[in-house]
Amino acid sequence: MVDVATVEPSPPAIALAAEVEKDPRLVEVILSESRRIVRHRPNLMIAEHRRGWVMANAGIDHSNVAPGDGRELVLLLPLDPDASAETLRQELAARTGKRIAVVISDSFGRPFRRGTVGIALGAAGLPAVIDWRGHPDLFGRTLEVTETGFADEIAAAASLVMGQADEAVPIAVVRGLSWTAPEAPAADLVRPPEHDLFR
């Protein structure tokens, strides 16, 4: 969490804030969490977050943040969501004696599509991505490009239960999943820039 009231905006933040019609202090926080600003217009900033996600406001959010006794609090994304997922996985496994996996999710807007969906920011104990290349399809053709965002699919399903607004459901338990692919972190879901035609 950051108290925006304590932030001193830089000259670049002040200039950008005038263009996007946002509080310069909030723009400073967004810039501090970003590698770069991808696009902007009044009331919208699309940023590449320091962890590689391209999203509105670098994922910084006022939504579902309780008032802070006069403070202007905004919520940042986790510093290392894969490490946080692993810490949670180990703690929950120790308490329950069960083999579990953990996905840390957030709502996410997608380019060229309306609506937000849950995506995986962090994952532990499961493959965030399953590579199907080289496997046959239904008719025996060899798959050449198919990779499944397994952790994203779990996050999207959980989001149906957890909600996006005032539902106040912080955790969803998913049972019955199985996989044979090796574990991989959610960081593997970020497409490398050299494979991205839009950056």
N, C-alpha and C. Protein backbone atom coordinates (compact mmCIF):
# COMPACT_ATOMS: atom_id res chain seq x y z
N MET A 1 0.85 -1.19 0.00
CA MET A 1 0.00 0.00 0.00
C MET A 1 0.88 1.24 0.00
N VAL A 2 0.41 2.26 -0.66
CA VAL A 2 1.11 3.54 -0.66
C VAL A 2 0.09 4.62 -0.32
N ASP A 3 0.48 5.51 0.55
CA ASP A 3 -0.34 6.69 0.85
C ASP A 3 0.05 7.75 -0.17
N VAL A 4 -0.83 7.99 -1.13
CA VAL A 4 -0.55 8.93 -2.21
C VAL A 4 -0.27 10.32 -1.66
N ALA A 5 -0.86 10.65 -0.52
CA ALA A 5 -0.65 11.98 0.07
C ALA A 5 0.80 12.22 0.46
N THR A 6 1.59 11.16 0.62
CA THR A 6 2.99 11.30 1.02
C THR A 6 3.95 11.35 -0.16
N VAL A 7 3.43 11.23 -1.37
CA VAL A 7 4.28 11.12 -2.56
C VAL A 7 4.58 12.51 -3.12
N GLU A 8 5.85 12.73 -3.45
CA GLU A 8 6.28 13.98 -4.09
C GLU A 8 6.45 13.69 -5.59
N PRO A 9 5.59 14.25 -6.45
CA PRO A 9 5.68 13.94 -7.87
C PRO A 9 6.89 14.59 -8.53
N SER A 10 7.49 13.86 -9.45
CA SER A 10 8.63 14.35 -10.22
C SER A 10 8.12 15.20 -11.39
N PRO A 11 9.00 15.98 -12.02
CA PRO A 11 8.58 16.75 -13.20
C PRO A 11 7.97 15.87 -14.30
N PRO A 12 8.54 14.67 -14.63
CA PRO A 12 7.86 13.84 -15.64
C PRO A 12 6.46 13.41 -15.22
N ALA A 13 6.27 13.12 -13.94
CA ALA A 13 4.94 12.72 -13.46
C ALA A 13 3.96 13.88 -13.56
N ILE A 14 4.43 15.08 -13.24
CA ILE A 14 3.57 16.27 -13.32
C ILE A 14 3.16 16.52 -14.76
N ALA A 15 4.09 16.40 -15.70
CA ALA A 15 3.78 16.62 -17.12
C ALA A 15 2.80 15.57 -17.64
N LEU A 16 3.04 14.30 -17.30
CA LEU A 16 2.15 13.23 -17.76
C LEU A 16 0.77 13.35 -17.12
N ALA A 17 0.74 13.74 -15.86
CA ALA A 17 -0.54 13.90 -15.15
C ALA A 17 -1.43 14.93 -15.84
N ALA A 18 -0.83 15.98 -16.37
CA ALA A 18 -1.60 16.99 -17.08
C ALA A 18 -2.24 16.40 -18.33
N GLU A 19 -1.52 15.49 -19.00
CA GLU A 19 -2.05 14.87 -20.22
C GLU A 19 -3.14 13.86 -19.93
N VAL A 20 -2.99 13.10 -18.85
CA VAL A 20 -3.95 12.04 -18.56
C VAL A 20 -5.02 12.47 -17.56
N GLU A 21 -4.91 13.69 -17.06
CA GLU A 21 -5.89 14.26 -16.14
C GLU A 21 -6.03 13.41 -14.86
N LYS A 22 -4.87 13.04 -14.31
CA LYS A 22 -4.82 12.28 -13.06
C LYS A 22 -3.98 13.05 -12.05
N ASP A 23 -4.12 12.68 -10.81
CA ASP A 23 -3.34 13.27 -9.72
C ASP A 23 -1.85 12.99 -9.99
N PRO A 24 -1.00 14.02 -10.03
CA PRO A 24 0.43 13.81 -10.29
C PRO A 24 1.09 12.85 -9.28
N ARG A 25 0.59 12.83 -8.06
CA ARG A 25 1.16 11.91 -7.06
C ARG A 25 0.86 10.45 -7.42
N LEU A 26 -0.38 10.19 -7.91
CA LEU A 26 -0.73 8.85 -8.36
C LEU A 26 0.10 8.47 -9.59
N VAL A 27 0.27 9.41 -10.50
CA VAL A 27 1.09 9.15 -11.70
C VAL A 27 2.52 8.81 -11.30
N GLU A 28 3.04 9.47 -10.29
CA GLU A 28 4.39 9.15 -9.80
C GLU A 28 4.47 7.71 -9.30
N VAL A 29 3.44 7.29 -8.57
CA VAL A 29 3.43 5.91 -8.08
C VAL A 29 3.37 4.93 -9.25
N ILE A 30 2.54 5.23 -10.25
CA ILE A 30 2.45 4.38 -11.44
C ILE A 30 3.80 4.30 -12.14
N LEU A 31 4.45 5.44 -12.32
CA LEU A 31 5.77 5.45 -12.97
C LEU A 31 6.78 4.64 -12.16
N SER A 32 6.69 4.70 -10.85
CA SER A 32 7.66 3.97 -10.01
C SER A 32 7.48 2.46 -10.10
N GLU A 33 6.31 2.01 -10.50
CA GLU A 33 6.04 0.57 -10.63
C GLU A 33 6.17 0.09 -12.08
N SER A 34 6.56 0.99 -12.99
CA SER A 34 6.53 0.69 -14.42
C SER A 34 7.91 0.67 -15.06
N ARG A 35 8.03 -0.18 -16.07
CA ARG A 35 9.20 -0.12 -16.95
C ARG A 35 9.03 0.99 -17.98
N ARG A 36 7.78 1.14 -18.44
CA ARG A 36 7.49 2.18 -19.44
C ARG A 36 5.98 2.39 -19.53
N ILE A 37 5.60 3.53 -20.06
CA ILE A 37 4.20 3.80 -20.36
C ILE A 37 3.99 3.43 -21.83
N VAL A 38 3.08 2.49 -22.07
CA VAL A 38 2.85 1.97 -23.41
C VAL A 38 1.96 2.92 -24.21
N ARG A 39 0.84 3.33 -23.63
CA ARG A 39 -0.10 4.25 -24.26
C ARG A 39 -0.77 5.06 -23.15
N HIS A 40 -1.26 6.25 -23.54
CA HIS A 40 -2.02 7.03 -22.58
C HIS A 40 -2.96 7.97 -23.32
N ARG A 41 -4.01 8.33 -22.63
CA ARG A 41 -4.98 9.34 -23.08
C ARG A 41 -5.65 9.85 -21.82
N PRO A 42 -6.49 10.86 -21.92
CA PRO A 42 -7.14 11.34 -20.70
C PRO A 42 -7.83 10.20 -19.95
N ASN A 43 -7.52 10.11 -18.67
CA ASN A 43 -8.08 9.15 -17.72
C ASN A 43 -7.66 7.70 -17.97
N LEU A 44 -6.61 7.48 -18.77
CA LEU A 44 -6.15 6.11 -18.99
C LEU A 44 -4.64 6.07 -19.21
N MET A 45 -3.98 5.18 -18.48
CA MET A 45 -2.55 4.93 -18.69
C MET A 45 -2.36 3.43 -18.79
N ILE A 46 -1.78 2.96 -19.88
CA ILE A 46 -1.41 1.56 -20.03
C ILE A 46 0.09 1.50 -19.83
N ALA A 47 0.50 0.72 -18.84
CA ALA A 47 1.91 0.68 -18.47
C ALA A 47 2.42 -0.75 -18.51
N GLU A 48 3.71 -0.90 -18.80
CA GLU A 48 4.36 -2.18 -18.63
C GLU A 48 4.91 -2.21 -17.21
N HIS A 49 4.30 -3.03 -16.38
CA HIS A 49 4.70 -3.16 -14.99
C HIS A 49 6.13 -3.68 -14.91
N ARG A 50 6.81 -3.43 -13.83
CA ARG A 50 8.20 -3.86 -13.66
C ARG A 50 8.38 -5.36 -13.79
N ARG A 51 7.29 -6.16 -13.62
CA ARG A 51 7.37 -7.61 -13.76
C ARG A 51 6.97 -8.07 -15.16
N GLY A 52 6.66 -7.12 -16.06
CA GLY A 52 6.40 -7.46 -17.46
C GLY A 52 4.95 -7.46 -17.88
N TRP A 53 4.01 -7.33 -16.94
CA TRP A 53 2.60 -7.31 -17.32
C TRP A 53 2.27 -5.96 -17.93
N VAL A 54 1.50 -5.96 -19.00
CA VAL A 54 1.04 -4.71 -19.61
C VAL A 54 -0.41 -4.53 -19.17
N MET A 55 -0.64 -3.45 -18.40
CA MET A 55 -1.95 -3.28 -17.77
C MET A 55 -2.23 -1.82 -17.44
N ALA A 56 -3.48 -1.53 -17.18
CA ALA A 56 -3.86 -0.16 -16.81
C ALA A 56 -3.22 0.21 -15.48
N ASN A 57 -2.66 1.40 -15.44
CA ASN A 57 -2.10 1.99 -14.21
C ASN A 57 -1.06 1.11 -13.52
N ALA A 58 -0.37 0.27 -14.27
CA ALA A 58 0.62 -0.66 -13.69
C ALA A 58 0.01 -1.51 -12.59
N GLY A 59 -1.30 -1.75 -12.69
CA GLY A 59 -1.99 -2.58 -11.71
C GLY A 59 -2.30 -1.89 -10.40
N ILE A 60 -1.99 -0.62 -10.28
CA ILE A 60 -2.25 0.13 -9.04
C ILE A 60 -3.74 0.44 -8.97
N ASP A 61 -4.31 0.20 -7.80
CA ASP A 61 -5.76 0.20 -7.70
C ASP A 61 -6.24 0.93 -6.45
N HIS A 62 -7.35 1.67 -6.64
CA HIS A 62 -8.09 2.24 -5.51
C HIS A 62 -9.22 1.29 -5.09
N SER A 63 -9.64 0.42 -6.00
CA SER A 63 -10.80 -0.44 -5.75
C SER A 63 -10.54 -1.39 -4.59
N ASN A 64 -11.55 -1.56 -3.77
CA ASN A 64 -11.52 -2.50 -2.64
C ASN A 64 -10.38 -2.21 -1.66
N VAL A 65 -10.00 -0.95 -1.54
CA VAL A 65 -9.03 -0.51 -0.54
C VAL A 65 -9.80 0.28 0.51
N ALA A 66 -9.78 -0.21 1.74
CA ALA A 66 -10.53 0.45 2.81
C ALA A 66 -9.99 1.86 3.05
N PRO A 67 -10.86 2.79 3.40
CA PRO A 67 -10.40 4.14 3.73
C PRO A 67 -9.35 4.08 4.84
N GLY A 68 -8.35 4.96 4.74
CA GLY A 68 -7.21 4.90 5.66
C GLY A 68 -7.11 6.03 6.64
N ASP A 69 -8.17 6.36 7.34
CA ASP A 69 -8.13 7.41 8.36
C ASP A 69 -7.54 8.70 7.81
N GLY A 70 -8.08 9.15 6.70
CA GLY A 70 -7.61 10.40 6.10
C GLY A 70 -6.49 10.20 5.10
N ARG A 71 -5.93 9.02 5.05
CA ARG A 71 -4.87 8.74 4.08
C ARG A 71 -5.49 8.39 2.73
N GLU A 72 -4.74 8.61 1.66
CA GLU A 72 -5.19 8.28 0.30
C GLU A 72 -4.45 7.03 -0.16
N LEU A 73 -4.94 5.86 0.26
CA LEU A 73 -4.22 4.62 0.01
C LEU A 73 -4.53 4.03 -1.35
N VAL A 74 -3.48 3.51 -2.00
CA VAL A 74 -3.63 2.72 -3.21
C VAL A 74 -2.89 1.40 -2.99
N LEU A 75 -3.37 0.38 -3.66
CA LEU A 75 -2.80 -0.96 -3.52
C LEU A 75 -1.88 -1.25 -4.69
N LEU A 76 -0.67 -1.71 -4.39
CA LEU A 76 0.28 -2.12 -5.41
C LEU A 76 0.21 -3.63 -5.58
N LEU A 77 0.74 -4.11 -6.68
CA LEU A 77 0.83 -5.56 -6.89
C LEU A 77 1.97 -6.11 -6.03
N PRO A 78 1.97 -7.42 -5.76
CA PRO A 78 3.01 -8.00 -4.92
C PRO A 78 4.41 -7.79 -5.51
N LEU A 79 5.41 -7.68 -4.62
CA LEU A 79 6.79 -7.53 -5.07
C LEU A 79 7.26 -8.74 -5.86
N ASP A 80 6.97 -9.94 -5.37
CA ASP A 80 7.35 -11.18 -6.04
C ASP A 80 6.22 -12.18 -5.84
N PRO A 81 5.21 -12.15 -6.71
CA PRO A 81 4.03 -12.99 -6.48
C PRO A 81 4.31 -14.48 -6.54
N ASP A 82 5.30 -14.93 -7.34
CA ASP A 82 5.63 -16.36 -7.34
C ASP A 82 6.21 -16.78 -5.99
N ALA A 83 7.06 -15.95 -5.41
CA ALA A 83 7.62 -16.25 -4.09
C ALA A 83 6.51 -16.22 -3.03
N SER A 84 5.59 -15.29 -3.14
CA SER A 84 4.46 -15.23 -2.20
C SER A 84 3.60 -16.47 -2.32
N ALA A 85 3.35 -16.93 -3.56
CA ALA A 85 2.57 -18.14 -3.77
C ALA A 85 3.27 -19.35 -3.16
N GLU A 86 4.59 -19.42 -3.31
CA GLU A 86 5.34 -20.54 -2.74
C GLU A 86 5.30 -20.51 -1.20
N THR A 87 5.41 -19.34 -0.62
CA THR A 87 5.33 -19.22 0.84
C THR A 87 3.96 -19.68 1.34
N LEU A 88 2.90 -19.23 0.66
CA LEU A 88 1.55 -19.65 1.03
C LEU A 88 1.39 -21.16 0.85
N ARG A 89 1.90 -21.70 -0.25
CA ARG A 89 1.78 -23.13 -0.53
C ARG A 89 2.43 -23.95 0.59
N GLN A 90 3.65 -23.56 0.96
CA GLN A 90 4.35 -24.30 2.01
C GLN A 90 3.62 -24.22 3.35
N GLU A 91 3.15 -23.04 3.69
CA GLU A 91 2.44 -22.86 4.97
C GLU A 91 1.14 -23.66 5.00
N LEU A 92 0.36 -23.59 3.91
CA LEU A 92 -0.90 -24.32 3.86
C LEU A 92 -0.68 -25.83 3.84
N ALA A 93 0.35 -26.28 3.12
CA ALA A 93 0.67 -27.71 3.08
C ALA A 93 1.08 -28.19 4.47
N ALA A 94 1.86 -27.39 5.19
CA ALA A 94 2.29 -27.77 6.54
C ALA A 94 1.09 -27.86 7.49
N ARG A 95 0.15 -26.96 7.34
CA ARG A 95 -1.01 -26.94 8.24
C ARG A 95 -2.01 -28.05 7.92
N THR A 96 -2.13 -28.39 6.63
CA THR A 96 -3.16 -29.35 6.23
C THR A 96 -2.62 -30.75 5.99
N GLY A 97 -1.31 -30.87 5.74
CA GLY A 97 -0.75 -32.16 5.38
C GLY A 97 -1.13 -32.60 3.98
N LYS A 98 -1.64 -31.70 3.18
CA LYS A 98 -2.10 -32.01 1.82
C LYS A 98 -1.12 -31.47 0.78
N ARG A 99 -1.11 -32.10 -0.39
CA ARG A 99 -0.36 -31.58 -1.53
C ARG A 99 -1.26 -30.55 -2.22
N ILE A 100 -0.83 -29.30 -2.20
CA ILE A 100 -1.67 -28.24 -2.77
C ILE A 100 -0.83 -27.38 -3.71
N ALA A 101 -1.52 -26.60 -4.48
CA ALA A 101 -0.90 -25.58 -5.33
C ALA A 101 -1.59 -24.26 -5.00
N VAL A 102 -0.92 -23.16 -5.28
CA VAL A 102 -1.47 -21.83 -5.00
C VAL A 102 -1.33 -20.96 -6.24
N VAL A 103 -2.40 -20.26 -6.57
CA VAL A 103 -2.38 -19.25 -7.63
C VAL A 103 -2.82 -17.93 -7.00
N ILE A 104 -2.01 -16.90 -7.17
CA ILE A 104 -2.37 -15.55 -6.74
C ILE A 104 -2.88 -14.84 -7.98
N SER A 105 -4.10 -14.32 -7.90
CA SER A 105 -4.73 -13.75 -9.10
C SER A 105 -5.13 -12.31 -8.90
N ASP A 106 -5.41 -11.66 -10.01
CA ASP A 106 -5.93 -10.30 -10.00
C ASP A 106 -6.78 -10.12 -11.24
N SER A 107 -7.67 -9.14 -11.21
CA SER A 107 -8.47 -8.84 -12.39
C SER A 107 -7.62 -8.08 -13.40
N PHE A 108 -7.87 -8.33 -14.66
CA PHE A 108 -6.97 -7.87 -15.71
C PHE A 108 -7.78 -7.56 -16.97
N GLY A 109 -7.56 -6.39 -17.54
CA GLY A 109 -8.16 -6.05 -18.83
C GLY A 109 -7.26 -6.55 -19.95
N ARG A 110 -7.86 -7.01 -21.04
CA ARG A 110 -7.09 -7.58 -22.14
C ARG A 110 -7.17 -6.70 -23.37
N PRO A 111 -6.07 -6.58 -24.12
CA PRO A 111 -6.13 -5.81 -25.35
C PRO A 111 -7.12 -6.43 -26.33
N PHE A 112 -7.83 -5.58 -27.02
CA PHE A 112 -8.74 -5.97 -28.09
C PHE A 112 -9.98 -6.73 -27.60
N ARG A 113 -10.19 -6.79 -26.28
CA ARG A 113 -11.37 -7.47 -25.74
C ARG A 113 -11.94 -6.65 -24.59
N ARG A 114 -13.25 -6.65 -24.46
CA ARG A 114 -13.90 -5.95 -23.35
C ARG A 114 -13.97 -6.85 -22.14
N GLY A 115 -14.03 -6.24 -20.97
CA GLY A 115 -14.22 -6.97 -19.72
C GLY A 115 -12.91 -7.40 -19.09
N THR A 116 -12.94 -7.51 -17.78
CA THR A 116 -11.78 -8.00 -17.05
C THR A 116 -11.97 -9.47 -16.71
N VAL A 117 -10.87 -10.18 -16.60
CA VAL A 117 -10.88 -11.58 -16.19
C VAL A 117 -9.79 -11.77 -15.15
N GLY A 118 -9.90 -12.84 -14.39
CA GLY A 118 -8.83 -13.17 -13.45
C GLY A 118 -7.65 -13.75 -14.20
N ILE A 119 -6.45 -13.29 -13.84
CA ILE A 119 -5.22 -13.88 -14.37
C ILE A 119 -4.30 -14.23 -13.20
N ALA A 120 -3.34 -15.09 -13.47
CA ALA A 120 -2.39 -15.50 -12.44
C ALA A 120 -1.22 -14.52 -12.40
N LEU A 121 -1.01 -13.92 -11.24
CA LEU A 121 0.17 -13.10 -11.02
C LEU A 121 1.30 -13.95 -10.44
N GLY A 122 0.92 -14.92 -9.61
CA GLY A 122 1.89 -15.81 -8.98
C GLY A 122 1.35 -17.22 -8.97
N ALA A 123 2.26 -18.20 -8.99
CA ALA A 123 1.84 -19.60 -8.96
C ALA A 123 2.94 -20.43 -8.32
N ALA A 124 2.51 -21.48 -7.60
CA ALA A 124 3.45 -22.41 -6.99
C ALA A 124 2.78 -23.77 -6.89
N GLY A 125 3.54 -24.82 -7.17
CA GLY A 125 3.04 -26.17 -7.04
C GLY A 125 2.31 -26.70 -8.25
N LEU A 126 2.32 -25.95 -9.35
CA LEU A 126 1.67 -26.38 -10.58
C LEU A 126 2.37 -25.74 -11.77
N PRO A 127 2.07 -26.21 -12.97
CA PRO A 127 2.65 -25.57 -14.15
C PRO A 127 1.81 -24.34 -14.55
N ALA A 128 2.38 -23.16 -14.49
CA ALA A 128 1.63 -21.98 -14.92
C ALA A 128 1.34 -22.05 -16.42
N VAL A 129 2.27 -22.66 -17.16
CA VAL A 129 2.12 -22.83 -18.61
C VAL A 129 2.33 -24.30 -18.91
N ILE A 130 1.46 -24.85 -19.76
CA ILE A 130 1.65 -26.23 -20.24
C ILE A 130 1.91 -26.16 -21.74
N ASP A 131 3.05 -26.67 -22.14
CA ASP A 131 3.48 -26.65 -23.54
C ASP A 131 2.99 -27.91 -24.24
N TRP A 132 2.09 -27.73 -25.19
CA TRP A 132 1.52 -28.86 -25.93
C TRP A 132 2.20 -29.07 -27.28
N ARG A 133 3.19 -28.24 -27.59
CA ARG A 133 3.86 -28.39 -28.89
C ARG A 133 4.48 -29.77 -29.01
N GLY A 134 4.28 -30.38 -30.16
CA GLY A 134 4.79 -31.72 -30.40
C GLY A 134 3.80 -32.82 -30.07
N HIS A 135 2.71 -32.49 -29.35
CA HIS A 135 1.67 -33.46 -29.03
C HIS A 135 0.65 -33.50 -30.18
N PRO A 136 -0.05 -34.60 -30.34
CA PRO A 136 -1.07 -34.66 -31.40
C PRO A 136 -2.35 -33.97 -30.98
N ASP A 137 -3.06 -33.41 -31.97
CA ASP A 137 -4.39 -32.89 -31.70
C ASP A 137 -5.40 -34.03 -31.84
N LEU A 138 -6.67 -33.70 -31.84
CA LEU A 138 -7.74 -34.68 -31.91
C LEU A 138 -7.63 -35.59 -33.13
N PHE A 139 -7.09 -35.04 -34.22
CA PHE A 139 -7.03 -35.79 -35.48
C PHE A 139 -5.61 -36.25 -35.81
N GLY A 140 -4.72 -36.20 -34.82
CA GLY A 140 -3.37 -36.71 -35.02
C GLY A 140 -2.37 -35.72 -35.59
N ARG A 141 -2.82 -34.49 -35.90
CA ARG A 141 -1.87 -33.48 -36.38
C ARG A 141 -1.00 -33.03 -35.22
N THR A 142 0.26 -32.77 -35.49
CA THR A 142 1.17 -32.33 -34.44
C THR A 142 0.93 -30.86 -34.13
N LEU A 143 0.70 -30.56 -32.85
CA LEU A 143 0.53 -29.17 -32.43
C LEU A 143 1.88 -28.46 -32.53
N GLU A 144 1.85 -27.25 -33.10
CA GLU A 144 3.09 -26.52 -33.34
C GLU A 144 3.24 -25.27 -32.49
N VAL A 145 2.14 -24.70 -32.02
CA VAL A 145 2.24 -23.44 -31.27
C VAL A 145 1.46 -23.43 -29.96
N THR A 146 0.72 -24.47 -29.67
CA THR A 146 -0.21 -24.44 -28.54
C THR A 146 0.50 -24.55 -27.19
N GLU A 147 0.29 -23.53 -26.38
CA GLU A 147 0.69 -23.52 -24.99
C GLU A 147 -0.53 -23.06 -24.19
N THR A 148 -0.85 -23.76 -23.13
CA THR A 148 -2.00 -23.42 -22.32
C THR A 148 -1.56 -22.60 -21.11
N GLY A 149 -2.20 -21.46 -20.90
CA GLY A 149 -1.96 -20.67 -19.70
C GLY A 149 -2.75 -21.29 -18.55
N PHE A 150 -2.25 -22.41 -18.05
CA PHE A 150 -2.96 -23.22 -17.06
C PHE A 150 -3.32 -22.41 -15.82
N ALA A 151 -2.36 -21.68 -15.27
CA ALA A 151 -2.63 -20.88 -14.07
C ALA A 151 -3.63 -19.76 -14.36
N ASP A 152 -3.57 -19.18 -15.56
CA ASP A 152 -4.55 -18.16 -15.93
C ASP A 152 -5.96 -18.75 -16.01
N GLU A 153 -6.07 -19.97 -16.54
CA GLU A 153 -7.38 -20.60 -16.63
C GLU A 153 -7.94 -20.87 -15.23
N ILE A 154 -7.09 -21.27 -14.31
CA ILE A 154 -7.52 -21.48 -12.92
C ILE A 154 -7.95 -20.15 -12.31
N ALA A 155 -7.16 -19.10 -12.54
CA ALA A 155 -7.49 -17.78 -12.00
C ALA A 155 -8.81 -17.27 -12.55
N ALA A 156 -9.06 -17.48 -13.84
CA ALA A 156 -10.31 -17.03 -14.44
C ALA A 156 -11.50 -17.78 -13.85
N ALA A 157 -11.36 -19.08 -13.67
CA ALA A 157 -12.44 -19.86 -13.06
C ALA A 157 -12.69 -19.40 -11.62
N ALA A 158 -11.62 -19.19 -10.86
CA ALA A 158 -11.76 -18.73 -9.47
C ALA A 158 -12.43 -17.36 -9.41
N SER A 159 -12.14 -16.53 -10.39
CA SER A 159 -12.71 -15.18 -10.42
C SER A 159 -14.23 -15.20 -10.51
N LEU A 160 -14.79 -16.25 -11.13
CA LEU A 160 -16.25 -16.36 -11.19
C LEU A 160 -16.85 -16.48 -9.80
N VAL A 161 -16.12 -17.11 -8.89
CA VAL A 161 -16.58 -17.27 -7.50
C VAL A 161 -16.19 -16.06 -6.66
N MET A 162 -14.96 -15.58 -6.85
CA MET A 162 -14.45 -14.51 -6.01
C MET A 162 -15.05 -13.15 -6.35
N GLY A 163 -15.40 -12.94 -7.60
CA GLY A 163 -16.01 -11.69 -8.04
C GLY A 163 -15.00 -10.61 -8.33
N GLN A 164 -15.52 -9.46 -8.79
CA GLN A 164 -14.69 -8.34 -9.19
C GLN A 164 -15.06 -7.05 -8.45
N ALA A 165 -16.07 -7.10 -7.60
CA ALA A 165 -16.55 -5.85 -7.00
C ALA A 165 -16.63 -5.97 -5.47
N ASP A 166 -17.85 -6.08 -4.94
CA ASP A 166 -18.02 -6.07 -3.48
C ASP A 166 -18.33 -7.44 -2.90
N GLU A 167 -17.97 -8.51 -3.60
CA GLU A 167 -18.32 -9.86 -3.14
C GLU A 167 -17.56 -10.26 -1.88
N ALA A 168 -16.37 -9.74 -1.66
CA ALA A 168 -15.56 -9.99 -0.46
C ALA A 168 -15.24 -11.48 -0.28
N VAL A 169 -14.94 -12.15 -1.38
CA VAL A 169 -14.52 -13.56 -1.33
C VAL A 169 -13.03 -13.58 -1.69
N PRO A 170 -12.14 -13.70 -0.70
CA PRO A 170 -10.71 -13.58 -0.97
C PRO A 170 -10.05 -14.85 -1.50
N ILE A 171 -10.69 -16.01 -1.31
CA ILE A 171 -10.06 -17.28 -1.67
C ILE A 171 -11.09 -18.19 -2.32
N ALA A 172 -10.67 -18.89 -3.36
CA ALA A 172 -11.48 -19.94 -3.96
C ALA A 172 -10.66 -21.23 -3.90
N VAL A 173 -11.31 -22.32 -3.55
CA VAL A 173 -10.66 -23.63 -3.52
C VAL A 173 -11.11 -24.40 -4.74
N VAL A 174 -10.15 -24.87 -5.51
CA VAL A 174 -10.43 -25.65 -6.72
C VAL A 174 -9.96 -27.08 -6.44
N ARG A 175 -10.85 -28.02 -6.66
CA ARG A 175 -10.51 -29.42 -6.40
C ARG A 175 -10.63 -30.22 -7.70
N GLY A 176 -9.89 -31.32 -7.77
CA GLY A 176 -10.04 -32.25 -8.87
C GLY A 176 -9.18 -31.98 -10.09
N LEU A 177 -8.32 -30.97 -10.05
CA LEU A 177 -7.45 -30.72 -11.19
C LEU A 177 -6.31 -31.73 -11.22
N SER A 178 -5.86 -32.06 -12.40
CA SER A 178 -4.68 -32.91 -12.52
C SER A 178 -3.86 -32.42 -13.70
N TRP A 179 -2.58 -32.74 -13.66
CA TRP A 179 -1.67 -32.34 -14.73
C TRP A 179 -0.45 -33.23 -14.67
N THR A 180 0.27 -33.27 -15.79
CA THR A 180 1.50 -34.06 -15.83
C THR A 180 2.71 -33.20 -16.16
N ALA A 181 2.50 -31.96 -16.50
CA ALA A 181 3.60 -31.06 -16.85
C ALA A 181 4.38 -30.66 -15.60
N PRO A 182 5.64 -30.28 -15.77
CA PRO A 182 6.43 -29.85 -14.61
C PRO A 182 5.96 -28.50 -14.08
N GLU A 183 6.24 -28.27 -12.80
CA GLU A 183 5.89 -26.99 -12.19
C GLU A 183 6.61 -25.85 -12.91
N ALA A 184 5.94 -24.73 -13.02
CA ALA A 184 6.52 -23.53 -13.62
C ALA A 184 5.86 -22.31 -13.00
N PRO A 185 6.61 -21.24 -12.74
CA PRO A 185 6.05 -20.06 -12.10
C PRO A 185 5.19 -19.23 -13.05
N ALA A 186 4.38 -18.36 -12.48
CA ALA A 186 3.55 -17.47 -13.29
C ALA A 186 4.39 -16.50 -14.11
N ALA A 187 5.61 -16.23 -13.69
CA ALA A 187 6.50 -15.37 -14.48
C ALA A 187 6.67 -15.91 -15.89
N ASP A 188 6.54 -17.23 -16.05
CA ASP A 188 6.67 -17.85 -17.38
C ASP A 188 5.51 -17.50 -18.31
N LEU A 189 4.43 -16.94 -17.77
CA LEU A 189 3.29 -16.54 -18.60
C LEU A 189 3.56 -15.26 -19.39
N VAL A 190 4.52 -14.47 -18.96
CA VAL A 190 4.82 -13.21 -19.65
C VAL A 190 5.59 -13.54 -20.93
N ARG A 191 5.02 -13.12 -22.06
CA ARG A 191 5.65 -13.38 -23.35
C ARG A 191 6.91 -12.52 -23.47
N PRO A 192 8.04 -13.13 -23.81
CA PRO A 192 9.27 -12.35 -24.00
C PRO A 192 9.08 -11.30 -25.10
N PRO A 193 9.63 -10.10 -24.92
CA PRO A 193 9.45 -9.05 -25.94
C PRO A 193 9.85 -9.48 -27.35
N GLU A 194 10.88 -10.32 -27.46
CA GLU A 194 11.31 -10.72 -28.80
C GLU A 194 10.30 -11.64 -29.50
N HIS A 195 9.33 -12.18 -28.75
CA HIS A 195 8.29 -13.02 -29.35
C HIS A 195 6.95 -12.29 -29.45
N ASP A 196 6.94 -11.01 -29.14
CA ASP A 196 5.72 -10.23 -29.09
C ASP A 196 5.66 -9.27 -30.28
N LEU A 197 4.67 -9.43 -31.12
CA LEU A 197 4.55 -8.59 -32.32
C LEU A 197 3.96 -7.21 -32.03
N PHE A 198 3.47 -6.98 -30.80
CA PHE A 198 2.78 -5.72 -30.50
C PHE A 198 3.61 -4.74 -29.70
N ARG A 199 4.78 -5.13 -29.21
CA ARG A 199 5.60 -4.20 -28.44
C ARG A 199 6.58 -3.50 -29.35
